[in-house]
Amino acid sequence: MSRATERESEPSSPIPGLALTPPVRRAPRTPVFCGDIAIRIARDGSWHYQGSPIRRKELVCLFASVLTRETDGSFWLITPAERGRIEVEDAPFLAVELFVSHCRGRQILSFRTNVDEVIEAGPEHPIRVARDVVTCLPTPYVAVRPGRGSLPVEARIERSVYYELVALAVPETVHGETLLGVWSGESFFPLGQADEA
C-alpha cells in the first residue's frame, strides 16, 4: 500500500496536523490515605477544625458533599486525591425544616438539611426513630444518602421538626401492632406506639 493510500485511510482530523488517536485510558486514581483529620461534627451540626468552628457555610457545604460512611460506621471525607477519617458525635447533618406537599392524593414529606440539601422521605430516604440511651426520648433520623455499606449517612431530625411530624401522624396496623406514623408517598414510617402519642 502506498503512503498516499495510507494517508487516505487514516481518519481525518478537523484540525490540520492533529492526529486522531484513541484516548489513553488511565486506571482510576486511588485517593491518598491521610489518616484522622482534625475535623469534628458536633451534635448540634456545627463543624470544627482543630477545635475551632468552621464559620464559612460554603466550606462546610463543600466538605459535606464529599462525606461518606464506611461499613464500620466511621465517617470519611473522600476526594479524588485524598481520604481521611473525621469525628461525628451523632449524625453529620440536621433536618431543620419540613415541607409537606401532595401529589395524586398522596402526602409527600421533604426535609431541608442544615447544609441546604432537600431530600424527600421514601424508600431511598427512610425515616427511623431511635431511643436516646440516656433519656429514652425518641431520636428521629432521615437517611440523606447511602454509605459504602448498610449504614446510611443520616440527618437527625430537629425536635421542632419532629413535633411537626407527630402532628401529621396517623395510626396504622403494622404486623398486627397499632403504630403511630407518617406517610410519604407510598411509604409509611412508624414514629412509635399509638399509646405513646
N, C-alpha and C. Protein backbone atom coordinates (compact mmCIF):
# COMPACT_ATOMS: atom_id res chain seq x y z
N MET A 1 0.85 -1.18 0.00
CA MET A 1 0.00 0.00 0.00
C MET A 1 0.89 1.23 0.00
N SER A 2 0.60 2.22 -0.84
CA SER A 2 1.42 3.42 -0.94
C SER A 2 1.15 4.33 0.25
N ARG A 3 2.10 5.27 0.47
CA ARG A 3 1.92 6.21 1.57
C ARG A 3 0.68 7.06 1.36
N ALA A 4 0.39 7.41 0.11
CA ALA A 4 -0.80 8.21 -0.18
C ALA A 4 -2.05 7.45 0.21
N THR A 5 -2.07 6.14 -0.10
CA THR A 5 -3.25 5.33 0.24
C THR A 5 -3.37 5.22 1.75
N GLU A 6 -2.22 5.07 2.46
CA GLU A 6 -2.25 5.00 3.92
C GLU A 6 -2.83 6.28 4.51
N ARG A 7 -2.41 7.44 3.97
CA ARG A 7 -2.92 8.71 4.47
C ARG A 7 -4.42 8.83 4.25
N GLU A 8 -4.88 8.33 3.08
CA GLU A 8 -6.31 8.43 2.78
C GLU A 8 -7.12 7.55 3.71
N SER A 9 -6.54 6.41 4.17
CA SER A 9 -7.30 5.50 5.03
C SER A 9 -7.33 5.95 6.48
N GLU A 10 -6.40 6.86 6.88
CA GLU A 10 -6.39 7.36 8.25
C GLU A 10 -7.56 8.30 8.46
N PRO A 11 -8.17 8.30 9.65
CA PRO A 11 -9.26 9.24 9.90
C PRO A 11 -8.75 10.67 9.82
N SER A 12 -9.54 11.51 9.19
CA SER A 12 -9.10 12.90 9.03
C SER A 12 -9.44 13.68 10.29
N SER A 13 -8.58 14.63 10.62
CA SER A 13 -8.77 15.46 11.80
C SER A 13 -9.30 16.81 11.36
N PRO A 14 -10.25 17.39 12.09
CA PRO A 14 -10.73 18.72 11.74
C PRO A 14 -9.66 19.79 11.94
N ILE A 15 -8.61 19.48 12.70
CA ILE A 15 -7.51 20.43 12.92
C ILE A 15 -6.29 19.90 12.19
N PRO A 16 -5.79 20.61 11.16
CA PRO A 16 -4.63 20.12 10.41
C PRO A 16 -3.44 19.89 11.33
N GLY A 17 -2.76 18.77 11.12
CA GLY A 17 -1.58 18.44 11.89
C GLY A 17 -1.87 17.74 13.20
N LEU A 18 -3.15 17.61 13.59
CA LEU A 18 -3.52 16.94 14.83
C LEU A 18 -3.95 15.52 14.49
N ALA A 19 -3.19 14.55 14.94
CA ALA A 19 -3.52 13.16 14.66
C ALA A 19 -4.61 12.70 15.59
N LEU A 20 -5.58 11.97 15.07
CA LEU A 20 -6.65 11.41 15.89
C LEU A 20 -6.20 10.08 16.44
N THR A 21 -5.98 10.02 17.72
CA THR A 21 -5.57 8.77 18.36
C THR A 21 -6.58 8.46 19.45
N PRO A 22 -6.80 7.17 19.73
CA PRO A 22 -7.74 6.83 20.80
C PRO A 22 -7.26 7.40 22.13
N PRO A 23 -8.20 7.84 22.99
CA PRO A 23 -7.77 8.39 24.29
C PRO A 23 -7.10 7.32 25.13
N VAL A 24 -6.12 7.74 25.90
CA VAL A 24 -5.44 6.82 26.80
C VAL A 24 -6.32 6.61 28.02
N ARG A 25 -6.65 5.36 28.29
CA ARG A 25 -7.50 5.08 29.45
C ARG A 25 -6.60 4.82 30.66
N ARG A 26 -6.78 5.66 31.66
CA ARG A 26 -5.99 5.52 32.88
C ARG A 26 -6.84 4.87 33.95
N ALA A 27 -6.17 4.08 34.77
CA ALA A 27 -6.88 3.45 35.90
C ALA A 27 -7.32 4.55 36.86
N PRO A 28 -8.49 4.38 37.51
CA PRO A 28 -8.92 5.39 38.48
C PRO A 28 -7.87 5.59 39.57
N ARG A 29 -7.65 6.83 39.91
CA ARG A 29 -6.64 7.16 40.91
C ARG A 29 -7.15 6.80 42.30
N THR A 30 -6.33 6.16 43.08
CA THR A 30 -6.69 5.83 44.46
C THR A 30 -6.36 7.01 45.35
N PRO A 31 -7.36 7.52 46.10
CA PRO A 31 -7.06 8.67 46.98
C PRO A 31 -6.00 8.30 48.02
N VAL A 32 -5.13 9.25 48.32
CA VAL A 32 -4.08 9.06 49.31
C VAL A 32 -4.72 9.03 50.70
N PHE A 33 -4.36 8.02 51.51
CA PHE A 33 -4.90 7.90 52.86
C PHE A 33 -4.21 8.90 53.77
N CYS A 34 -4.99 9.77 54.39
CA CYS A 34 -4.45 10.83 55.26
C CYS A 34 -4.63 10.54 56.74
N GLY A 35 -5.22 9.40 57.08
CA GLY A 35 -5.45 9.08 58.49
C GLY A 35 -6.58 9.91 59.06
N ASP A 36 -6.48 10.21 60.34
CA ASP A 36 -7.51 11.02 61.00
C ASP A 36 -7.27 12.50 60.71
N ILE A 37 -8.34 13.17 60.29
CA ILE A 37 -8.29 14.62 60.05
C ILE A 37 -8.90 15.29 61.27
N ALA A 38 -8.37 16.43 61.66
CA ALA A 38 -8.83 17.12 62.88
C ALA A 38 -10.13 17.88 62.63
N ILE A 39 -11.12 17.19 62.05
CA ILE A 39 -12.44 17.77 61.83
C ILE A 39 -13.44 17.00 62.67
N ARG A 40 -14.29 17.75 63.38
CA ARG A 40 -15.32 17.14 64.21
C ARG A 40 -16.65 17.79 63.90
N ILE A 41 -17.69 16.96 63.74
CA ILE A 41 -19.05 17.48 63.58
C ILE A 41 -19.75 17.27 64.91
N ALA A 42 -20.10 18.36 65.56
CA ALA A 42 -20.74 18.30 66.88
C ALA A 42 -22.19 17.86 66.75
N ARG A 43 -22.77 17.48 67.87
CA ARG A 43 -24.17 17.02 67.88
C ARG A 43 -25.13 18.10 67.37
N ASP A 44 -24.77 19.37 67.56
CA ASP A 44 -25.64 20.46 67.10
C ASP A 44 -25.47 20.77 65.61
N GLY A 45 -24.67 19.95 64.91
CA GLY A 45 -24.49 20.13 63.47
C GLY A 45 -23.36 21.05 63.07
N SER A 46 -22.68 21.68 64.05
CA SER A 46 -21.58 22.58 63.72
C SER A 46 -20.31 21.78 63.41
N TRP A 47 -19.53 22.30 62.46
CA TRP A 47 -18.27 21.68 62.06
C TRP A 47 -17.10 22.42 62.71
N HIS A 48 -16.11 21.66 63.16
CA HIS A 48 -14.95 22.25 63.84
C HIS A 48 -13.67 21.69 63.23
N TYR A 49 -12.67 22.56 63.10
CA TYR A 49 -11.34 22.13 62.65
C TYR A 49 -10.33 22.51 63.72
N GLN A 50 -9.62 21.51 64.23
CA GLN A 50 -8.64 21.70 65.30
C GLN A 50 -9.25 22.48 66.47
N GLY A 51 -10.50 22.15 66.80
CA GLY A 51 -11.17 22.75 67.94
C GLY A 51 -11.87 24.07 67.67
N SER A 52 -11.64 24.68 66.51
CA SER A 52 -12.29 25.96 66.19
C SER A 52 -13.43 25.74 65.20
N PRO A 53 -14.56 26.43 65.40
CA PRO A 53 -15.68 26.25 64.48
C PRO A 53 -15.35 26.73 63.07
N ILE A 54 -15.85 26.00 62.10
CA ILE A 54 -15.73 26.42 60.69
C ILE A 54 -16.95 27.29 60.42
N ARG A 55 -16.74 28.58 60.25
CA ARG A 55 -17.85 29.53 60.16
C ARG A 55 -18.34 29.75 58.73
N ARG A 56 -17.52 29.44 57.74
CA ARG A 56 -17.93 29.65 56.34
C ARG A 56 -18.83 28.51 55.89
N LYS A 57 -20.11 28.81 55.67
CA LYS A 57 -21.06 27.77 55.29
C LYS A 57 -20.68 27.13 53.97
N GLU A 58 -20.13 27.93 53.04
CA GLU A 58 -19.73 27.38 51.74
C GLU A 58 -18.69 26.28 51.91
N LEU A 59 -17.78 26.46 52.86
CA LEU A 59 -16.75 25.45 53.10
C LEU A 59 -17.36 24.21 53.74
N VAL A 60 -18.29 24.41 54.68
CA VAL A 60 -18.98 23.28 55.30
C VAL A 60 -19.74 22.49 54.24
N CYS A 61 -20.44 23.19 53.35
CA CYS A 61 -21.20 22.51 52.28
C CYS A 61 -20.27 21.75 51.35
N LEU A 62 -19.09 22.30 51.09
CA LEU A 62 -18.12 21.61 50.24
C LEU A 62 -17.65 20.33 50.91
N PHE A 63 -17.28 20.40 52.18
CA PHE A 63 -16.89 19.20 52.91
C PHE A 63 -18.04 18.19 52.96
N ALA A 64 -19.25 18.69 53.21
CA ALA A 64 -20.42 17.81 53.31
C ALA A 64 -20.66 17.04 52.02
N SER A 65 -20.33 17.64 50.89
CA SER A 65 -20.58 16.99 49.60
C SER A 65 -19.67 15.79 49.37
N VAL A 66 -18.54 15.69 50.10
CA VAL A 66 -17.62 14.56 49.91
C VAL A 66 -17.59 13.65 51.15
N LEU A 67 -18.59 13.81 52.01
CA LEU A 67 -18.67 13.00 53.22
C LEU A 67 -19.32 11.66 52.91
N THR A 68 -18.74 10.59 53.40
CA THR A 68 -19.34 9.27 53.25
C THR A 68 -19.18 8.48 54.54
N ARG A 69 -19.83 7.33 54.58
CA ARG A 69 -19.78 6.48 55.77
C ARG A 69 -19.32 5.09 55.38
N GLU A 70 -18.36 4.57 56.10
CA GLU A 70 -17.81 3.26 55.80
C GLU A 70 -18.66 2.16 56.44
N THR A 71 -18.33 0.93 56.09
CA THR A 71 -19.11 -0.22 56.59
C THR A 71 -19.05 -0.35 58.11
N ASP A 72 -17.97 0.15 58.73
CA ASP A 72 -17.85 0.07 60.19
C ASP A 72 -18.55 1.22 60.91
N GLY A 73 -19.21 2.11 60.15
CA GLY A 73 -19.92 3.23 60.73
C GLY A 73 -19.11 4.50 60.83
N SER A 74 -17.81 4.45 60.52
CA SER A 74 -16.97 5.65 60.60
C SER A 74 -17.27 6.58 59.43
N PHE A 75 -16.96 7.87 59.62
CA PHE A 75 -17.23 8.88 58.61
C PHE A 75 -15.91 9.37 58.00
N TRP A 76 -15.94 9.56 56.68
CA TRP A 76 -14.74 9.93 55.93
C TRP A 76 -15.04 11.05 54.96
N LEU A 77 -14.05 11.91 54.75
CA LEU A 77 -14.07 12.86 53.64
C LEU A 77 -13.21 12.26 52.55
N ILE A 78 -13.81 12.07 51.37
CA ILE A 78 -13.09 11.41 50.28
C ILE A 78 -13.18 12.26 49.02
N THR A 79 -12.03 12.70 48.55
CA THR A 79 -11.92 13.41 47.28
C THR A 79 -11.15 12.51 46.31
N PRO A 80 -11.09 12.86 45.03
CA PRO A 80 -10.29 12.04 44.11
C PRO A 80 -8.82 11.93 44.52
N ALA A 81 -8.32 12.90 45.30
CA ALA A 81 -6.90 12.90 45.66
C ALA A 81 -6.62 12.36 47.05
N GLU A 82 -7.52 12.61 48.02
CA GLU A 82 -7.23 12.26 49.42
C GLU A 82 -8.46 11.69 50.11
N ARG A 83 -8.19 10.94 51.17
CA ARG A 83 -9.28 10.45 52.02
C ARG A 83 -8.80 10.46 53.46
N GLY A 84 -9.71 10.89 54.37
CA GLY A 84 -9.35 10.93 55.78
C GLY A 84 -10.59 10.78 56.65
N ARG A 85 -10.39 10.19 57.83
CA ARG A 85 -11.48 9.94 58.76
C ARG A 85 -11.72 11.18 59.62
N ILE A 86 -13.00 11.47 59.89
CA ILE A 86 -13.34 12.58 60.76
C ILE A 86 -14.22 12.07 61.91
N GLU A 87 -14.39 12.90 62.92
CA GLU A 87 -15.21 12.52 64.09
C GLU A 87 -16.61 13.12 63.95
N VAL A 88 -17.62 12.29 64.17
CA VAL A 88 -19.01 12.75 64.14
C VAL A 88 -19.66 12.33 65.46
N GLU A 89 -20.15 13.29 66.23
CA GLU A 89 -20.70 12.98 67.55
C GLU A 89 -22.02 12.22 67.47
N ASP A 90 -22.84 12.55 66.49
CA ASP A 90 -24.13 11.85 66.33
C ASP A 90 -24.34 11.62 64.84
N ALA A 91 -25.22 12.38 64.23
CA ALA A 91 -25.39 12.32 62.77
C ALA A 91 -24.67 13.54 62.18
N PRO A 92 -24.15 13.43 60.97
CA PRO A 92 -23.39 14.55 60.41
C PRO A 92 -24.26 15.75 60.02
N PHE A 93 -25.56 15.51 59.80
CA PHE A 93 -26.44 16.59 59.36
C PHE A 93 -27.64 16.71 60.28
N LEU A 94 -28.33 17.84 60.17
CA LEU A 94 -29.58 18.08 60.87
C LEU A 94 -30.67 18.34 59.84
N ALA A 95 -31.86 17.78 60.06
CA ALA A 95 -33.03 18.14 59.26
C ALA A 95 -33.70 19.29 59.98
N VAL A 96 -33.64 20.48 59.39
CA VAL A 96 -34.05 21.70 60.09
C VAL A 96 -35.39 22.26 59.62
N GLU A 97 -35.92 21.72 58.53
CA GLU A 97 -37.19 22.24 58.02
C GLU A 97 -37.96 21.12 57.33
N LEU A 98 -39.28 21.14 57.49
CA LEU A 98 -40.15 20.14 56.88
C LEU A 98 -41.06 20.82 55.88
N PHE A 99 -41.19 20.20 54.70
CA PHE A 99 -42.12 20.66 53.67
C PHE A 99 -43.14 19.55 53.43
N VAL A 100 -44.41 19.91 53.41
CA VAL A 100 -45.48 18.95 53.15
C VAL A 100 -46.16 19.34 51.85
N SER A 101 -46.20 18.41 50.90
CA SER A 101 -46.89 18.65 49.64
C SER A 101 -47.75 17.44 49.34
N HIS A 102 -48.53 17.53 48.28
CA HIS A 102 -49.40 16.42 47.89
C HIS A 102 -49.27 16.18 46.40
N CYS A 103 -49.23 14.91 46.04
CA CYS A 103 -49.14 14.52 44.64
C CYS A 103 -50.08 13.34 44.42
N ARG A 104 -51.04 13.51 43.53
CA ARG A 104 -52.02 12.46 43.23
C ARG A 104 -52.70 11.93 44.48
N GLY A 105 -53.02 12.85 45.36
CA GLY A 105 -53.74 12.48 46.58
C GLY A 105 -52.87 11.92 47.68
N ARG A 106 -51.57 11.85 47.47
CA ARG A 106 -50.67 11.30 48.49
C ARG A 106 -49.83 12.41 49.10
N GLN A 107 -49.62 12.30 50.39
CA GLN A 107 -48.77 13.24 51.12
C GLN A 107 -47.30 12.96 50.82
N ILE A 108 -46.54 14.02 50.56
CA ILE A 108 -45.10 13.91 50.33
C ILE A 108 -44.39 14.76 51.38
N LEU A 109 -43.45 14.15 52.10
CA LEU A 109 -42.67 14.86 53.12
C LEU A 109 -41.25 15.08 52.62
N SER A 110 -40.80 16.32 52.66
CA SER A 110 -39.43 16.65 52.28
C SER A 110 -38.76 17.42 53.41
N PHE A 111 -37.47 17.21 53.54
CA PHE A 111 -36.70 17.87 54.60
C PHE A 111 -35.58 18.70 53.99
N ARG A 112 -35.32 19.86 54.60
CA ARG A 112 -34.13 20.63 54.26
C ARG A 112 -33.12 20.44 55.37
N THR A 113 -31.88 20.13 54.99
CA THR A 113 -30.84 19.92 55.99
C THR A 113 -30.12 21.24 56.28
N ASN A 114 -29.28 21.22 57.30
CA ASN A 114 -28.51 22.41 57.66
C ASN A 114 -27.45 22.77 56.63
N VAL A 115 -27.23 21.91 55.61
CA VAL A 115 -26.34 22.27 54.51
C VAL A 115 -27.16 22.51 53.23
N ASP A 116 -28.46 22.79 53.42
CA ASP A 116 -29.39 23.18 52.35
C ASP A 116 -29.60 22.10 51.29
N GLU A 117 -29.49 20.86 51.69
CA GLU A 117 -29.84 19.76 50.81
C GLU A 117 -31.29 19.38 51.10
N VAL A 118 -32.11 19.24 50.07
CA VAL A 118 -33.51 18.87 50.25
C VAL A 118 -33.69 17.42 49.84
N ILE A 119 -34.28 16.63 50.74
CA ILE A 119 -34.49 15.21 50.47
C ILE A 119 -35.94 14.86 50.72
N GLU A 120 -36.45 13.96 49.90
CA GLU A 120 -37.83 13.52 50.01
C GLU A 120 -37.88 12.16 50.69
N ALA A 121 -38.61 12.09 51.79
CA ALA A 121 -38.72 10.82 52.53
C ALA A 121 -39.38 9.78 51.64
N GLY A 122 -38.81 8.59 51.66
CA GLY A 122 -39.30 7.50 50.83
C GLY A 122 -38.38 6.30 50.98
N PRO A 123 -38.49 5.33 50.10
CA PRO A 123 -37.66 4.12 50.22
C PRO A 123 -36.15 4.41 50.22
N GLU A 124 -35.72 5.42 49.46
CA GLU A 124 -34.29 5.75 49.40
C GLU A 124 -33.87 6.67 50.55
N HIS A 125 -34.84 7.31 51.18
CA HIS A 125 -34.57 8.24 52.28
C HIS A 125 -35.53 7.94 53.42
N PRO A 126 -35.38 6.76 54.06
CA PRO A 126 -36.33 6.40 55.12
C PRO A 126 -36.14 7.21 56.39
N ILE A 127 -37.24 7.32 57.14
CA ILE A 127 -37.23 7.94 58.46
C ILE A 127 -37.17 6.81 59.49
N ARG A 128 -36.31 6.96 60.50
CA ARG A 128 -36.29 5.97 61.58
C ARG A 128 -36.25 6.72 62.91
N VAL A 129 -36.73 6.06 63.94
CA VAL A 129 -36.72 6.66 65.28
C VAL A 129 -35.97 5.73 66.21
N ALA A 130 -34.90 6.25 66.81
CA ALA A 130 -34.13 5.52 67.82
C ALA A 130 -34.49 6.08 69.19
N ARG A 131 -34.01 5.43 70.24
CA ARG A 131 -34.22 5.91 71.60
C ARG A 131 -32.90 6.39 72.17
N ASP A 132 -32.90 7.60 72.72
CA ASP A 132 -31.70 8.12 73.37
C ASP A 132 -31.33 7.20 74.53
N VAL A 133 -30.07 6.77 74.58
CA VAL A 133 -29.65 5.81 75.60
C VAL A 133 -29.70 6.38 77.01
N VAL A 134 -29.64 7.70 77.13
CA VAL A 134 -29.66 8.32 78.45
C VAL A 134 -31.08 8.72 78.86
N THR A 135 -31.77 9.44 77.97
CA THR A 135 -33.08 9.99 78.33
C THR A 135 -34.24 9.08 77.92
N CYS A 136 -33.98 8.12 77.04
CA CYS A 136 -35.03 7.24 76.48
C CYS A 136 -36.01 8.00 75.60
N LEU A 137 -35.73 9.27 75.30
CA LEU A 137 -36.61 10.04 74.42
C LEU A 137 -36.40 9.59 72.97
N PRO A 138 -37.45 9.70 72.13
CA PRO A 138 -37.28 9.34 70.73
C PRO A 138 -36.32 10.28 70.02
N THR A 139 -35.42 9.71 69.24
CA THR A 139 -34.48 10.49 68.45
C THR A 139 -34.66 10.10 67.00
N PRO A 140 -35.28 10.98 66.20
CA PRO A 140 -35.60 10.63 64.81
C PRO A 140 -34.48 11.02 63.83
N TYR A 141 -34.34 10.21 62.79
CA TYR A 141 -33.34 10.44 61.75
C TYR A 141 -33.98 10.22 60.38
N VAL A 142 -33.39 10.83 59.36
CA VAL A 142 -33.77 10.55 57.98
C VAL A 142 -32.49 10.31 57.20
N ALA A 143 -32.51 9.29 56.34
CA ALA A 143 -31.32 8.96 55.54
C ALA A 143 -31.15 10.01 54.45
N VAL A 144 -29.94 10.55 54.35
CA VAL A 144 -29.63 11.56 53.34
C VAL A 144 -29.10 10.90 52.07
N ARG A 145 -28.18 9.96 52.25
CA ARG A 145 -27.64 9.21 51.10
C ARG A 145 -27.04 7.91 51.62
N PRO A 146 -26.88 6.93 50.74
CA PRO A 146 -26.30 5.66 51.20
C PRO A 146 -24.83 5.82 51.56
N GLY A 147 -24.39 4.98 52.48
CA GLY A 147 -22.97 4.89 52.78
C GLY A 147 -22.34 3.82 51.91
N ARG A 148 -21.13 3.40 52.27
CA ARG A 148 -20.45 2.38 51.48
C ARG A 148 -20.87 0.97 51.88
N GLY A 149 -21.60 0.86 52.99
CA GLY A 149 -22.11 -0.43 53.43
C GLY A 149 -23.61 -0.30 53.68
N SER A 150 -24.08 -0.96 54.72
CA SER A 150 -25.51 -0.93 55.01
C SER A 150 -25.92 0.31 55.81
N LEU A 151 -24.96 1.03 56.39
CA LEU A 151 -25.28 2.20 57.22
C LEU A 151 -25.30 3.46 56.36
N PRO A 152 -26.43 4.19 56.37
CA PRO A 152 -26.50 5.41 55.55
C PRO A 152 -25.89 6.61 56.24
N VAL A 153 -25.69 7.66 55.48
CA VAL A 153 -25.35 8.98 56.02
C VAL A 153 -26.70 9.62 56.37
N GLU A 154 -26.87 10.04 57.63
CA GLU A 154 -28.18 10.49 58.08
C GLU A 154 -28.16 11.94 58.57
N ALA A 155 -29.38 12.48 58.66
CA ALA A 155 -29.61 13.75 59.33
C ALA A 155 -30.50 13.49 60.52
N ARG A 156 -30.13 14.04 61.68
CA ARG A 156 -31.02 13.94 62.84
C ARG A 156 -32.11 15.00 62.68
N ILE A 157 -33.36 14.57 62.85
CA ILE A 157 -34.48 15.49 62.70
C ILE A 157 -34.60 16.32 63.98
N GLU A 158 -34.50 17.63 63.82
CA GLU A 158 -34.55 18.51 64.99
C GLU A 158 -35.88 18.36 65.71
N ARG A 159 -35.86 18.63 67.02
CA ARG A 159 -37.03 18.39 67.85
C ARG A 159 -38.27 19.13 67.35
N SER A 160 -38.13 20.40 66.94
CA SER A 160 -39.29 21.17 66.45
C SER A 160 -39.87 20.54 65.18
N VAL A 161 -39.00 20.03 64.32
CA VAL A 161 -39.45 19.38 63.08
C VAL A 161 -40.12 18.05 63.41
N TYR A 162 -39.58 17.36 64.40
CA TYR A 162 -40.20 16.10 64.83
C TYR A 162 -41.62 16.32 65.34
N TYR A 163 -41.83 17.42 66.08
CA TYR A 163 -43.17 17.72 66.57
C TYR A 163 -44.13 17.98 65.39
N GLU A 164 -43.62 18.58 64.32
CA GLU A 164 -44.45 18.76 63.12
C GLU A 164 -44.82 17.40 62.52
N LEU A 165 -43.87 16.46 62.53
CA LEU A 165 -44.17 15.11 62.04
C LEU A 165 -45.24 14.45 62.89
N VAL A 166 -45.09 14.57 64.21
CA VAL A 166 -46.05 13.95 65.13
C VAL A 166 -47.45 14.50 64.87
N ALA A 167 -47.54 15.80 64.55
CA ALA A 167 -48.84 16.41 64.27
C ALA A 167 -49.47 15.83 63.00
N LEU A 168 -48.66 15.28 62.11
CA LEU A 168 -49.16 14.68 60.86
C LEU A 168 -49.40 13.18 61.00
N ALA A 169 -49.03 12.62 62.15
CA ALA A 169 -49.05 11.16 62.31
C ALA A 169 -50.47 10.61 62.36
N VAL A 170 -50.60 9.40 61.83
CA VAL A 170 -51.88 8.67 61.85
C VAL A 170 -51.60 7.25 62.33
N PRO A 171 -52.60 6.61 62.93
CA PRO A 171 -52.39 5.22 63.37
C PRO A 171 -52.51 4.26 62.18
N GLU A 172 -51.65 3.26 62.15
CA GLU A 172 -51.68 2.20 61.15
C GLU A 172 -51.35 0.89 61.84
N THR A 173 -51.90 -0.19 61.32
CA THR A 173 -51.58 -1.50 61.86
C THR A 173 -50.43 -2.10 61.06
N VAL A 174 -49.33 -2.39 61.75
CA VAL A 174 -48.14 -2.97 61.12
C VAL A 174 -47.83 -4.27 61.85
N HIS A 175 -47.88 -5.40 61.12
CA HIS A 175 -47.64 -6.72 61.71
C HIS A 175 -48.50 -6.95 62.95
N GLY A 176 -49.76 -6.56 62.87
CA GLY A 176 -50.70 -6.78 63.96
C GLY A 176 -50.58 -5.82 65.12
N GLU A 177 -49.72 -4.81 64.99
CA GLU A 177 -49.49 -3.85 66.06
C GLU A 177 -49.91 -2.46 65.59
N THR A 178 -50.61 -1.71 66.41
CA THR A 178 -51.03 -0.36 66.05
C THR A 178 -49.91 0.63 66.36
N LEU A 179 -49.42 1.27 65.29
CA LEU A 179 -48.32 2.22 65.41
C LEU A 179 -48.77 3.58 64.90
N LEU A 180 -48.18 4.61 65.46
CA LEU A 180 -48.41 5.98 65.01
C LEU A 180 -47.25 6.34 64.09
N GLY A 181 -47.57 6.85 62.92
CA GLY A 181 -46.51 7.19 61.98
C GLY A 181 -46.98 8.13 60.90
N VAL A 182 -46.10 8.38 59.95
CA VAL A 182 -46.40 9.32 58.87
C VAL A 182 -46.24 8.63 57.52
N TRP A 183 -47.03 9.10 56.58
CA TRP A 183 -46.92 8.64 55.20
C TRP A 183 -46.14 9.66 54.38
N SER A 184 -45.29 9.16 53.48
CA SER A 184 -44.66 9.99 52.46
C SER A 184 -44.69 9.19 51.18
N GLY A 185 -45.47 9.63 50.23
CA GLY A 185 -45.69 8.83 49.03
C GLY A 185 -46.39 7.54 49.41
N GLU A 186 -45.82 6.42 49.00
CA GLU A 186 -46.41 5.12 49.31
C GLU A 186 -45.74 4.45 50.50
N SER A 187 -44.89 5.19 51.21
CA SER A 187 -44.15 4.61 52.34
C SER A 187 -44.70 5.12 53.67
N PHE A 188 -44.85 4.19 54.61
CA PHE A 188 -45.28 4.53 55.97
C PHE A 188 -44.09 4.39 56.90
N PHE A 189 -43.88 5.41 57.73
CA PHE A 189 -42.75 5.42 58.66
C PHE A 189 -43.26 5.51 60.09
N PRO A 190 -43.14 4.43 60.87
CA PRO A 190 -43.60 4.47 62.26
C PRO A 190 -42.77 5.44 63.09
N LEU A 191 -43.47 6.16 63.96
CA LEU A 191 -42.80 7.06 64.90
C LEU A 191 -42.82 6.51 66.32
N GLY A 192 -43.74 5.59 66.58
CA GLY A 192 -43.81 5.00 67.92
C GLY A 192 -45.14 4.30 68.13
N GLN A 193 -45.31 3.77 69.31
CA GLN A 193 -46.57 3.11 69.68
C GLN A 193 -47.69 4.15 69.72
N ALA A 194 -48.88 3.74 69.35
CA ALA A 194 -50.01 4.67 69.32
C ALA A 194 -50.30 5.24 70.70
N ASP A 195 -50.05 4.47 71.76
CA ASP A 195 -50.35 4.97 73.11
C ASP A 195 -49.27 5.89 73.67
N GLU A 196 -48.17 6.09 72.87
CA GLU A 196 -47.09 6.99 73.32
C GLU A 196 -47.36 8.43 72.91
N ALA A 197 -48.36 8.63 72.02
CA ALA A 197 -48.61 9.98 71.50
C ALA A 197 -49.19 10.89 72.57
